[in-house]
Amino acid sequence: MNVIVSYDISEDKRRTKIHKVLKSYGQWVQYSVFEWLKFH
């Protein structure tokens, strides 16, 4: 299953933290969009 995650966070510190976490799980597609394969 493909999972797409997008976010809109205005606070720089929080946005950076979320970006780092999501980057460890999947592929960075655009500025605030990530994609990864999720297996059951």
C-alpha atoms as a PDB file:
ATOM      1  CA  MET A   1       0.000   0.000   0.000  1.00  0.00           C
ATOM      2  CA  ASN A   2       1.336   3.459  -0.896  1.00  0.00           C
ATOM      3  CA  VAL A   3       0.958   6.113   1.786  1.00  0.00           C
ATOM      4  CA  ILE A   4       1.087   9.836   1.033  1.00  0.00           C
ATOM      5  CA  VAL A   5       1.602  12.264   3.919  1.00  0.00           C
ATOM      6  CA  SER A   6       1.387  16.020   3.543  1.00  0.00           C
ATOM      7  CA  TYR A   7       1.468  18.700   6.180  1.00  0.00           C
ATOM      8  CA  ASP A   8       1.179  22.455   6.632  1.00  0.00           C
ATOM      9  CA  ILE A   9       3.000  23.585   9.776  1.00  0.00           C
ATOM     10  CA  SER A  10       3.895  27.240  10.214  1.00  0.00           C
ATOM     11  CA  GLU A  11       6.287  26.874  13.171  1.00  0.00           C
ATOM     12  CA  ASP A  12       9.834  26.253  11.871  1.00  0.00           C
ATOM     13  CA  LYS A  13      11.073  24.178  14.803  1.00  0.00           C
ATOM     14  CA  ARG A  14       8.085  21.837  14.750  1.00  0.00           C
ATOM     15  CA  ARG A  15       8.113  21.569  10.937  1.00  0.00           C
ATOM     16  CA  THR A  16      11.807  20.589  10.960  1.00  0.00           C
ATOM     17  CA  LYS A  17      11.195  17.934  13.593  1.00  0.00           C
ATOM     18  CA  ILE A  18       8.277  16.414  11.649  1.00  0.00           C
ATOM     19  CA  HIS A  19      10.316  16.511   8.434  1.00  0.00           C
ATOM     20  CA  LYS A  20      13.168  14.539  10.034  1.00  0.00           C
ATOM     21  CA  VAL A  21      10.799  11.894  11.401  1.00  0.00           C
ATOM     22  CA  LEU A  22       8.952  11.441   8.111  1.00  0.00           C
ATOM     23  CA  LYS A  23      12.202  11.362   6.126  1.00  0.00           C
ATOM     24  CA  SER A  24      13.290   8.322   8.150  1.00  0.00           C
ATOM     25  CA  TYR A  25      10.147   6.473   7.011  1.00  0.00           C
ATOM     26  CA  GLY A  26       9.836   7.362   3.355  1.00  0.00           C
ATOM     27  CA  GLN A  27      10.765   9.279   0.249  1.00  0.00           C
ATOM     28  CA  TRP A  28      10.664  13.071   0.300  1.00  0.00           C
ATOM     29  CA  VAL A  29       8.575  14.062  -2.750  1.00  0.00           C
ATOM     30  CA  GLN A  30       8.056  17.802  -2.306  1.00  0.00           C
ATOM     31  CA  TYR A  31       8.606  20.410   0.397  1.00  0.00           C
ATOM     32  CA  SER A  32       5.914  19.033   2.724  1.00  0.00           C
ATOM     33  CA  VAL A  33       4.935  15.783   1.005  1.00  0.00           C
ATOM     34  CA  PHE A  34       6.296  12.303   1.715  1.00  0.00           C
ATOM     35  CA  GLU A  35       5.544   8.937   0.149  1.00  0.00           C
ATOM     36  CA  TRP A  36       6.336   5.434   1.313  1.00  0.00           C
ATOM     37  CA  LEU A  37       5.273   1.826   0.899  1.00  0.00           C
ATOM     38  CA  LYS A  38       3.487   0.389   3.885  1.00  0.00           C
ATOM     39  CA  PHE A  39       3.340  -3.355   4.291  1.00  0.00           C
ATOM     40  CA  HIS A  40       0.872  -5.107   6.577  1.00  0.00           C
END
